[in-house]
Amino acid sequence: MGFRYRKSINLGGGFRINISKSGVGYSWAKAQVTRMERRIREYTTWQKQNNLFFDEQTDEMLQKAVAKLKIKKENVQEAERRLQRKAEKHQREMRK
């Protein structure tokens, strides 16, 4: 019978990491950022092709989405730093 180890840690803000024998995994928050970046790109492309008066600098929907994306990216970076600290702490505890 093989040895299995898996620990799941909730870091808040919808961000969860999984620590197992094979490594550390996380993706939920990054997936949100990627999805939002794609939607902004698609919206901008569509507007440029179909709206003669579209201006990226004055479009309110686009500006709101970009501001929200900036916040999400900051949250992901903070969560990655917390993940790194927790992983280091976990490794120290495992060595004891």
PDB file of N, CA and C in Angstrom:
ATOM      1  N   MET A   1       0.843  -1.170   0.000  1.00  0.00           N
ATOM      2  CA  MET A   1       0.000   0.000   0.000  1.00  0.00           C
ATOM      3  C   MET A   1       0.894   1.240   0.000  1.00  0.00           C
ATOM      4  N   GLY A   2       0.632   2.187  -0.896  1.00  0.00           N
ATOM      5  CA  GLY A   2       1.444   3.388  -1.034  1.00  0.00           C
ATOM      6  C   GLY A   2       1.099   4.449  -0.012  1.00  0.00           C
ATOM      7  N   PHE A   3       2.047   5.330   0.225  1.00  0.00           N
ATOM      8  CA  PHE A   3       1.863   6.441   1.151  1.00  0.00           C
ATOM      9  C   PHE A   3       1.254   7.617   0.409  1.00  0.00           C
ATOM     10  N   ARG A   4       0.199   8.184   0.956  1.00  0.00           N
ATOM     11  CA  ARG A   4      -0.441   9.357   0.361  1.00  0.00           C
ATOM     12  C   ARG A   4      -0.485  10.477   1.379  1.00  0.00           C
ATOM     13  N   TYR A   5      -0.227  11.699   0.885  1.00  0.00           N
ATOM     14  CA  TYR A   5      -0.321  12.863   1.745  1.00  0.00           C
ATOM     15  C   TYR A   5      -0.971  13.975   0.945  1.00  0.00           C
ATOM     16  N   ARG A   6      -1.974  14.610   1.529  1.00  0.00           N
ATOM     17  CA  ARG A   6      -2.625  15.738   0.886  1.00  0.00           C
ATOM     18  C   ARG A   6      -3.171  16.652   1.959  1.00  0.00           C
ATOM     19  N   LYS A   7      -2.856  17.920   1.849  1.00  0.00           N
ATOM     20  CA  LYS A   7      -3.381  18.908   2.784  1.00  0.00           C
ATOM     21  C   LYS A   7      -3.914  20.076   1.971  1.00  0.00           C
ATOM     22  N   SER A   8      -5.079  20.537   2.322  1.00  0.00           N
ATOM     23  CA  SER A   8      -5.707  21.659   1.645  1.00  0.00           C
ATOM     24  C   SER A   8      -5.781  22.818   2.632  1.00  0.00           C
ATOM     25  N   ILE A   9      -5.335  23.995   2.198  1.00  0.00           N
ATOM     26  CA  ILE A   9      -5.320  25.173   3.062  1.00  0.00           C
ATOM     27  C   ILE A   9      -6.122  26.281   2.397  1.00  0.00           C
ATOM     28  N   ASN A  10      -7.080  26.837   3.133  1.00  0.00           N
ATOM     29  CA  ASN A  10      -7.872  27.948   2.633  1.00  0.00           C
ATOM     30  C   ASN A  10      -7.209  29.244   3.078  1.00  0.00           C
ATOM     31  N   LEU A  11      -6.805  30.064   2.109  1.00  0.00           N
ATOM     32  CA  LEU A  11      -6.140  31.331   2.420  1.00  0.00           C
ATOM     33  C   LEU A  11      -7.094  32.512   2.398  1.00  0.00           C
ATOM     34  N   GLY A  12      -8.356  32.276   2.177  1.00  0.00           N
ATOM     35  CA  GLY A  12      -9.336  33.346   2.143  1.00  0.00           C
ATOM     36  C   GLY A  12      -9.449  33.946   0.756  1.00  0.00           C
ATOM     37  N   GLY A  13     -10.496  34.690   0.543  1.00  0.00           N
ATOM     38  CA  GLY A  13     -10.706  35.340  -0.733  1.00  0.00           C
ATOM     39  C   GLY A  13     -10.921  34.367  -1.877  1.00  0.00           C
ATOM     40  N   GLY A  14     -11.400  33.165  -1.550  1.00  0.00           N
ATOM     41  CA  GLY A  14     -11.641  32.175  -2.582  1.00  0.00           C
ATOM     42  C   GLY A  14     -10.386  31.502  -3.089  1.00  0.00           C
ATOM     43  N   PHE A  15      -9.309  31.646  -2.368  1.00  0.00           N
ATOM     44  CA  PHE A  15      -8.029  31.084  -2.807  1.00  0.00           C
ATOM     45  C   PHE A  15      -7.673  29.902  -1.934  1.00  0.00           C
ATOM     46  N   ARG A  16      -7.458  28.765  -2.549  1.00  0.00           N
ATOM     47  CA  ARG A  16      -7.142  27.543  -1.824  1.00  0.00           C
ATOM     48  C   ARG A  16      -5.907  26.906  -2.448  1.00  0.00           C
ATOM     49  N   ILE A  17      -5.046  26.359  -1.583  1.00  0.00           N
ATOM     50  CA  ILE A  17      -3.881  25.634  -2.082  1.00  0.00           C
ATOM     51  C   ILE A  17      -3.967  24.190  -1.620  1.00  0.00           C
ATOM     52  N   ASN A  18      -3.370  23.326  -2.397  1.00  0.00           N
ATOM     53  CA  ASN A  18      -3.319  21.917  -2.063  1.00  0.00           C
ATOM     54  C   ASN A  18      -1.866  21.486  -2.009  1.00  0.00           C
ATOM     55  N   ILE A  19      -1.478  20.891  -0.897  1.00  0.00           N
ATOM     56  CA  ILE A  19      -0.116  20.399  -0.738  1.00  0.00           C
ATOM     57  C   ILE A  19      -0.193  18.877  -0.722  1.00  0.00           C
ATOM     58  N   SER A  20       0.569  18.263  -1.597  1.00  0.00           N
ATOM     59  CA  SER A  20       0.579  16.805  -1.644  1.00  0.00           C
ATOM     60  C   SER A  20       2.013  16.324  -1.796  1.00  0.00           C
ATOM     61  N   LYS A  21       2.148  15.029  -1.829  1.00  0.00           N
ATOM     62  CA  LYS A  21       3.465  14.429  -1.980  1.00  0.00           C
ATOM     63  C   LYS A  21       4.113  14.880  -3.295  1.00  0.00           C
ATOM     64  N   SER A  22       3.305  15.103  -4.312  1.00  0.00           N
ATOM     65  CA  SER A  22       3.837  15.463  -5.625  1.00  0.00           C
ATOM     66  C   SER A  22       4.088  16.962  -5.790  1.00  0.00           C
ATOM     67  N   GLY A  23       3.637  17.790  -4.857  1.00  0.00           N
ATOM     68  CA  GLY A  23       3.914  19.225  -4.964  1.00  0.00           C
ATOM     69  C   GLY A  23       2.788  20.091  -4.440  1.00  0.00           C
ATOM     70  N   VAL A  24       2.872  21.373  -4.774  1.00  0.00           N
ATOM     71  CA  VAL A  24       1.908  22.370  -4.331  1.00  0.00           C
ATOM     72  C   VAL A  24       1.092  22.815  -5.538  1.00  0.00           C
ATOM     73  N   GLY A  25      -0.223  22.916  -5.370  1.00  0.00           N
ATOM     74  CA  GLY A  25      -1.072  23.345  -6.473  1.00  0.00           C
ATOM     75  C   GLY A  25      -2.020  24.448  -6.076  1.00  0.00           C
ATOM     76  N   TYR A  26      -2.213  25.397  -6.962  1.00  0.00           N
ATOM     77  CA  TYR A  26      -3.200  26.461  -6.802  1.00  0.00           C
ATOM     78  C   TYR A  26      -3.518  26.996  -8.182  1.00  0.00           C
ATOM     79  N   SER A  27      -4.739  27.422  -8.389  1.00  0.00           N
ATOM     80  CA  SER A  27      -5.049  27.943  -9.712  1.00  0.00           C
ATOM     81  C   SER A  27      -6.287  28.821  -9.751  1.00  0.00           C
ATOM     82  N   TRP A  28      -7.137  28.728  -8.780  1.00  0.00           N
ATOM     83  CA  TRP A  28      -8.429  29.370  -8.884  1.00  0.00           C
ATOM     84  C   TRP A  28      -8.328  30.867  -9.123  1.00  0.00           C
ATOM     85  N   ALA A  29      -7.532  31.572  -8.345  1.00  0.00           N
ATOM     86  CA  ALA A  29      -7.428  33.021  -8.482  1.00  0.00           C
ATOM     87  C   ALA A  29      -6.759  33.400  -9.797  1.00  0.00           C
ATOM     88  N   LYS A  30      -5.749  32.647 -10.193  1.00  0.00           N
ATOM     89  CA  LYS A  30      -5.079  32.935 -11.456  1.00  0.00           C
ATOM     90  C   LYS A  30      -6.034  32.731 -12.629  1.00  0.00           C
ATOM     91  N   ALA A  31      -6.897  31.747 -12.530  1.00  0.00           N
ATOM     92  CA  ALA A  31      -7.864  31.501 -13.597  1.00  0.00           C
ATOM     93  C   ALA A  31      -8.819  32.682 -13.743  1.00  0.00           C
ATOM     94  N   GLN A  32      -9.195  33.290 -12.633  1.00  0.00           N
ATOM     95  CA  GLN A  32     -10.064  34.467 -12.699  1.00  0.00           C
ATOM     96  C   GLN A  32      -9.376  35.604 -13.441  1.00  0.00           C
ATOM     97  N   VAL A  33      -8.100  35.817 -13.153  1.00  0.00           N
ATOM     98  CA  VAL A  33      -7.345  36.891 -13.809  1.00  0.00           C
ATOM     99  C   VAL A  33      -7.245  36.616 -15.304  1.00  0.00           C
ATOM    100  N   THR A  34      -6.904  35.398 -15.657  1.00  0.00           N
ATOM    101  CA  THR A  34      -6.768  35.035 -17.066  1.00  0.00           C
ATOM    102  C   THR A  34      -8.090  35.217 -17.804  1.00  0.00           C
ATOM    103  N   ARG A  35      -9.174  34.779 -17.180  1.00  0.00           N
ATOM    104  CA  ARG A  35     -10.495  34.907 -17.791  1.00  0.00           C
ATOM    105  C   ARG A  35     -10.857  36.381 -17.992  1.00  0.00           C
ATOM    106  N   MET A  36     -10.564  37.212 -16.995  1.00  0.00           N
ATOM    107  CA  MET A  36     -10.898  38.627 -17.110  1.00  0.00           C
ATOM    108  C   MET A  36     -10.037  39.315 -18.178  1.00  0.00           C
ATOM    109  N   GLU A  37      -8.760  38.968 -18.247  1.00  0.00           N
ATOM    110  CA  GLU A  37      -7.891  39.532 -19.286  1.00  0.00           C
ATOM    111  C   GLU A  37      -8.432  39.184 -20.675  1.00  0.00           C
ATOM    112  N   ARG A  38      -8.872  37.939 -20.860  1.00  0.00           N
ATOM    113  CA  ARG A  38      -9.415  37.512 -22.148  1.00  0.00           C
ATOM    114  C   ARG A  38     -10.696  38.277 -22.473  1.00  0.00           C
ATOM    115  N   ARG A  39     -11.572  38.450 -21.485  1.00  0.00           N
ATOM    116  CA  ARG A  39     -12.825  39.181 -21.733  1.00  0.00           C
ATOM    117  C   ARG A  39     -12.566  40.637 -22.100  1.00  0.00           C
ATOM    118  N   ILE A  40     -11.609  41.261 -21.439  1.00  0.00           N
ATOM    119  CA  ILE A  40     -11.266  42.650 -21.766  1.00  0.00           C
ATOM    120  C   ILE A  40     -10.728  42.726 -23.190  1.00  0.00           C
ATOM    121  N   ARG A  41      -9.849  41.798 -23.552  1.00  0.00           N
ATOM    122  CA  ARG A  41      -9.277  41.779 -24.894  1.00  0.00           C
ATOM    123  C   ARG A  41     -10.370  41.572 -25.949  1.00  0.00           C
ATOM    124  N   GLU A  42     -11.284  40.630 -25.695  1.00  0.00           N
ATOM    125  CA  GLU A  42     -12.368  40.364 -26.640  1.00  0.00           C
ATOM    126  C   GLU A  42     -13.315  41.558 -26.749  1.00  0.00           C
ATOM    127  N   TYR A  43     -13.634  42.181 -25.631  1.00  0.00           N
ATOM    128  CA  TYR A  43     -14.511  43.354 -25.635  1.00  0.00           C
ATOM    129  C   TYR A  43     -13.882  44.485 -26.433  1.00  0.00           C
ATOM    130  N   THR A  44     -12.612  44.746 -26.185  1.00  0.00           N
ATOM    131  CA  THR A  44     -11.914  45.821 -26.889  1.00  0.00           C
ATOM    132  C   THR A  44     -11.861  45.548 -28.384  1.00  0.00           C
ATOM    133  N   THR A  45     -11.534  44.322 -28.761  1.00  0.00           N
ATOM    134  CA  THR A  45     -11.468  43.958 -30.177  1.00  0.00           C
ATOM    135  C   THR A  45     -12.827  44.134 -30.846  1.00  0.00           C
ATOM    136  N   TRP A  46     -13.879  43.641 -30.194  1.00  0.00           N
ATOM    137  CA  TRP A  46     -15.215  43.746 -30.760  1.00  0.00           C
ATOM    138  C   TRP A  46     -15.611  45.212 -30.925  1.00  0.00           C
ATOM    139  N   GLN A  47     -15.368  46.013 -29.894  1.00  0.00           N
ATOM    140  CA  GLN A  47     -15.744  47.427 -29.953  1.00  0.00           C
ATOM    141  C   GLN A  47     -14.994  48.165 -31.070  1.00  0.00           C
ATOM    142  N   LYS A  48     -13.722  47.861 -31.231  1.00  0.00           N
ATOM    143  CA  LYS A  48     -12.932  48.519 -32.288  1.00  0.00           C
ATOM    144  C   LYS A  48     -13.452  48.159 -33.676  1.00  0.00           C
ATOM    145  N   GLN A  49     -13.949  46.939 -33.830  1.00  0.00           N
ATOM    146  CA  GLN A  49     -14.450  46.502 -35.126  1.00  0.00           C
ATOM    147  C   GLN A  49     -15.872  46.992 -35.411  1.00  0.00           C
ATOM    148  N   ASN A  50     -16.674  47.171 -34.371  1.00  0.00           N
ATOM    149  CA  ASN A  50     -18.103  47.434 -34.579  1.00  0.00           C
ATOM    150  C   ASN A  50     -18.595  48.791 -34.092  1.00  0.00           C
ATOM    151  N   ASN A  51     -17.789  49.537 -33.407  1.00  0.00           N
ATOM    152  CA  ASN A  51     -18.229  50.809 -32.853  1.00  0.00           C
ATOM    153  C   ASN A  51     -17.297  51.911 -33.346  1.00  0.00           C
ATOM    154  N   LEU A  52     -17.789  52.707 -34.227  1.00  0.00           N
ATOM    155  CA  LEU A  52     -16.990  53.765 -34.840  1.00  0.00           C
ATOM    156  C   LEU A  52     -16.492  54.784 -33.809  1.00  0.00           C
ATOM    157  N   PHE A  53     -17.242  54.965 -32.729  1.00  0.00           N
ATOM    158  CA  PHE A  53     -16.904  55.989 -31.744  1.00  0.00           C
ATOM    159  C   PHE A  53     -16.258  55.424 -30.477  1.00  0.00           C
ATOM    160  N   PHE A  54     -15.796  54.194 -30.528  1.00  0.00           N
ATOM    161  CA  PHE A  54     -15.191  53.569 -29.349  1.00  0.00           C
ATOM    162  C   PHE A  54     -13.843  54.213 -29.032  1.00  0.00           C
ATOM    163  N   ASP A  55     -13.670  54.551 -27.755  1.00  0.00           N
ATOM    164  CA  ASP A  55     -12.398  55.102 -27.268  1.00  0.00           C
ATOM    165  C   ASP A  55     -12.055  54.378 -25.962  1.00  0.00           C
ATOM    166  N   GLU A  56     -10.920  53.707 -25.953  1.00  0.00           N
ATOM    167  CA  GLU A  56     -10.513  52.933 -24.771  1.00  0.00           C
ATOM    168  C   GLU A  56     -10.357  53.810 -23.528  1.00  0.00           C
ATOM    169  N   GLN A  57      -9.960  55.046 -23.720  1.00  0.00           N
ATOM    170  CA  GLN A  57      -9.707  55.938 -22.594  1.00  0.00           C
ATOM    171  C   GLN A  57     -10.987  56.447 -21.934  1.00  0.00           C
ATOM    172  N   THR A  58     -12.088  56.489 -22.677  1.00  0.00           N
ATOM    173  CA  THR A  58     -13.321  57.044 -22.120  1.00  0.00           C
ATOM    174  C   THR A  58     -14.425  56.010 -21.920  1.00  0.00           C
ATOM    175  N   ASP A  59     -14.229  54.791 -22.347  1.00  0.00           N
ATOM    176  CA  ASP A  59     -15.250  53.760 -22.188  1.00  0.00           C
ATOM    177  C   ASP A  59     -15.345  53.353 -20.713  1.00  0.00           C
ATOM    178  N   GLU A  60     -16.495  53.634 -20.103  1.00  0.00           N
ATOM    179  CA  GLU A  60     -16.664  53.397 -18.668  1.00  0.00           C
ATOM    180  C   GLU A  60     -16.604  51.918 -18.312  1.00  0.00           C
ATOM    181  N   MET A  61     -17.245  51.065 -19.098  1.00  0.00           N
ATOM    182  CA  MET A  61     -17.230  49.628 -18.814  1.00  0.00           C
ATOM    183  C   MET A  61     -15.806  49.085 -18.851  1.00  0.00           C
ATOM    184  N   LEU A  62     -15.052  49.512 -19.845  1.00  0.00           N
ATOM    185  CA  LEU A  62     -13.674  49.043 -19.971  1.00  0.00           C
ATOM    186  C   LEU A  62     -12.827  49.533 -18.804  1.00  0.00           C
ATOM    187  N   GLN A  63     -12.992  50.779 -18.415  1.00  0.00           N
ATOM    188  CA  GLN A  63     -12.211  51.334 -17.311  1.00  0.00           C
ATOM    189  C   GLN A  63     -12.528  50.618 -15.997  1.00  0.00           C
ATOM    190  N   LYS A  64     -13.795  50.291 -15.772  1.00  0.00           N
ATOM    191  CA  LYS A  64     -14.183  49.548 -14.569  1.00  0.00           C
ATOM    192  C   LYS A  64     -13.557  48.159 -14.569  1.00  0.00           C
ATOM    193  N   ALA A  65     -13.598  47.504 -15.731  1.00  0.00           N
ATOM    194  CA  ALA A  65     -13.035  46.157 -15.832  1.00  0.00           C
ATOM    195  C   ALA A  65     -11.531  46.176 -15.608  1.00  0.00           C
ATOM    196  N   VAL A  66     -10.849  47.163 -16.155  1.00  0.00           N
ATOM    197  CA  VAL A  66      -9.389  47.271 -15.986  1.00  0.00           C
ATOM    198  C   VAL A  66      -9.050  47.526 -14.520  1.00  0.00           C
ATOM    199  N   ALA A  67      -9.827  48.384 -13.856  1.00  0.00           N
ATOM    200  CA  ALA A  67      -9.582  48.657 -12.432  1.00  0.00           C
ATOM    201  C   ALA A  67      -9.809  47.392 -11.598  1.00  0.00           C
ATOM    202  N   LYS A  68     -10.865  46.645 -11.923  1.00  0.00           N
ATOM    203  CA  LYS A  68     -11.155  45.407 -11.202  1.00  0.00           C
ATOM    204  C   LYS A  68     -10.055  44.374 -11.445  1.00  0.00           C
ATOM    205  N   LEU A  69      -9.553  44.308 -12.677  1.00  0.00           N
ATOM    206  CA  LEU A  69      -8.469  43.389 -13.010  1.00  0.00           C
ATOM    207  C   LEU A  69      -7.204  43.729 -12.220  1.00  0.00           C
ATOM    208  N   LYS A  70      -6.924  44.996 -12.076  1.00  0.00           N
ATOM    209  CA  LYS A  70      -5.744  45.419 -11.317  1.00  0.00           C
ATOM    210  C   LYS A  70      -5.838  44.933  -9.867  1.00  0.00           C
ATOM    211  N   ILE A  71      -7.010  45.071  -9.276  1.00  0.00           N
ATOM    212  CA  ILE A  71      -7.222  44.614  -7.900  1.00  0.00           C
ATOM    213  C   ILE A  71      -7.058  43.103  -7.810  1.00  0.00           C
ATOM    214  N   LYS A  72      -7.633  42.376  -8.774  1.00  0.00           N
ATOM    215  CA  LYS A  72      -7.508  40.915  -8.776  1.00  0.00           C
ATOM    216  C   LYS A  72      -6.053  40.485  -8.887  1.00  0.00           C
ATOM    217  N   LYS A  73      -5.274  41.162  -9.734  1.00  0.00           N
ATOM    218  CA  LYS A  73      -3.857  40.822  -9.885  1.00  0.00           C
ATOM    219  C   LYS A  73      -3.103  41.062  -8.586  1.00  0.00           C
ATOM    220  N   GLU A  74      -3.405  42.167  -7.912  1.00  0.00           N
ATOM    221  CA  GLU A  74      -2.769  42.450  -6.621  1.00  0.00           C
ATOM    222  C   GLU A  74      -3.133  41.374  -5.604  1.00  0.00           C
ATOM    223  N   ASN A  75      -4.394  40.944  -5.599  1.00  0.00           N
ATOM    224  CA  ASN A  75      -4.828  39.890  -4.683  1.00  0.00           C
ATOM    225  C   ASN A  75      -4.119  38.571  -4.966  1.00  0.00           C
ATOM    226  N   VAL A  76      -3.924  38.245  -6.237  1.00  0.00           N
ATOM    227  CA  VAL A  76      -3.224  37.017  -6.600  1.00  0.00           C
ATOM    228  C   VAL A  76      -1.775  37.081  -6.142  1.00  0.00           C
ATOM    229  N   GLN A  77      -1.130  38.228  -6.348  1.00  0.00           N
ATOM    230  CA  GLN A  77       0.259  38.369  -5.911  1.00  0.00           C
ATOM    231  C   GLN A  77       0.375  38.216  -4.399  1.00  0.00           C
ATOM    232  N   GLU A  78      -0.546  38.819  -3.658  1.00  0.00           N
ATOM    233  CA  GLU A  78      -0.533  38.689  -2.202  1.00  0.00           C
ATOM    234  C   GLU A  78      -0.777  37.241  -1.787  1.00  0.00           C
ATOM    235  N   ALA A  79      -1.712  36.583  -2.457  1.00  0.00           N
ATOM    236  CA  ALA A  79      -1.992  35.183  -2.142  1.00  0.00           C
ATOM    237  C   ALA A  79      -0.786  34.301  -2.448  1.00  0.00           C
ATOM    238  N   GLU A  80      -0.068  34.599  -3.523  1.00  0.00           N
ATOM    239  CA  GLU A  80       1.137  33.832  -3.845  1.00  0.00           C
ATOM    240  C   GLU A  80       2.208  34.025  -2.774  1.00  0.00           C
ATOM    241  N   ARG A  81       2.332  35.247  -2.261  1.00  0.00           N
ATOM    242  CA  ARG A  81       3.298  35.490  -1.175  1.00  0.00           C
ATOM    243  C   ARG A  81       2.890  34.712   0.078  1.00  0.00           C
ATOM    244  N   ARG A  82       1.589  34.720   0.402  1.00  0.00           N
ATOM    245  CA  ARG A  82       1.121  33.948   1.560  1.00  0.00           C
ATOM    246  C   ARG A  82       1.348  32.460   1.343  1.00  0.00           C
ATOM    247  N   LEU A  83       1.103  32.005   0.130  1.00  0.00           N
ATOM    248  CA  LEU A  83       1.337  30.601  -0.207  1.00  0.00           C
ATOM    249  C   LEU A  83       2.799  30.235  -0.001  1.00  0.00           C
ATOM    250  N   GLN A  84       3.690  31.086  -0.455  1.00  0.00           N
ATOM    251  CA  GLN A  84       5.114  30.826  -0.304  1.00  0.00           C
ATOM    252  C   GLN A  84       5.486  30.742   1.175  1.00  0.00           C
ATOM    253  N   ARG A  85       4.983  31.680   1.982  1.00  0.00           N
ATOM    254  CA  ARG A  85       5.280  31.657   3.417  1.00  0.00           C
ATOM    255  C   ARG A  85       4.733  30.390   4.073  1.00  0.00           C
ATOM    256  N   LYS A  86       3.488  30.012   3.722  1.00  0.00           N
ATOM    257  CA  LYS A  86       2.899  28.803   4.311  1.00  0.00           C
ATOM    258  C   LYS A  86       3.645  27.550   3.870  1.00  0.00           C
ATOM    259  N   ALA A  87       4.073  27.508   2.620  1.00  0.00           N
ATOM    260  CA  ALA A  87       4.815  26.347   2.133  1.00  0.00           C
ATOM    261  C   ALA A  87       6.154  26.231   2.862  1.00  0.00           C
ATOM    262  N   GLU A  88       6.823  27.364   3.066  1.00  0.00           N
ATOM    263  CA  GLU A  88       8.095  27.357   3.800  1.00  0.00           C
ATOM    264  C   GLU A  88       7.879  26.913   5.242  1.00  0.00           C
ATOM    265  N   LYS A  89       6.811  27.406   5.860  1.00  0.00           N
ATOM    266  CA  LYS A  89       6.495  27.009   7.232  1.00  0.00           C
ATOM    267  C   LYS A  89       6.211  25.511   7.303  1.00  0.00           C
ATOM    268  N   HIS A  90       5.447  25.030   6.333  1.00  0.00           N
ATOM    269  CA  HIS A  90       5.122  23.604   6.300  1.00  0.00           C
ATOM    270  C   HIS A  90       6.370  22.761   6.128  1.00  0.00           C
ATOM    271  N   GLN A  91       7.290  23.191   5.280  1.00  0.00           N
ATOM    272  CA  GLN A  91       8.529  22.452   5.076  1.00  0.00           C
ATOM    273  C   GLN A  91       9.370  22.420   6.362  1.00  0.00           C
ATOM    274  N   ARG A  92       9.428  23.548   7.085  1.00  0.00           N
ATOM    275  CA  ARG A  92      10.166  23.577   8.334  1.00  0.00           C
ATOM    276  C   ARG A  92       9.567  22.621   9.337  1.00  0.00           C
ATOM    277  N   GLU A  93       8.209  22.582   9.397  1.00  0.00           N
ATOM    278  CA  GLU A  93       7.538  21.677  10.334  1.00  0.00           C
ATOM    279  C   GLU A  93       7.778  20.220   9.968  1.00  0.00           C
ATOM    280  N   MET A  94       7.846  19.917   8.695  1.00  0.00           N
ATOM    281  CA  MET A  94       8.060  18.540   8.253  1.00  0.00           C
ATOM    282  C   MET A  94       9.480  18.070   8.567  1.00  0.00           C
ATOM    283  N   ARG A  95      10.430  18.984   8.632  1.00  0.00           N
ATOM    284  CA  ARG A  95      11.820  18.633   8.934  1.00  0.00           C
ATOM    285  C   ARG A  95      12.035  18.293  10.402  1.00  0.00           C
ATOM    286  N   LYS A  96      11.156  18.801  11.270  1.00  0.00           N
ATOM    287  CA  LYS A  96      11.305  18.586  12.713  1.00  0.00           C
ATOM    288  C   LYS A  96      11.048  17.173  13.093  1.00  0.00           C
TER     289      LYS A  96
END
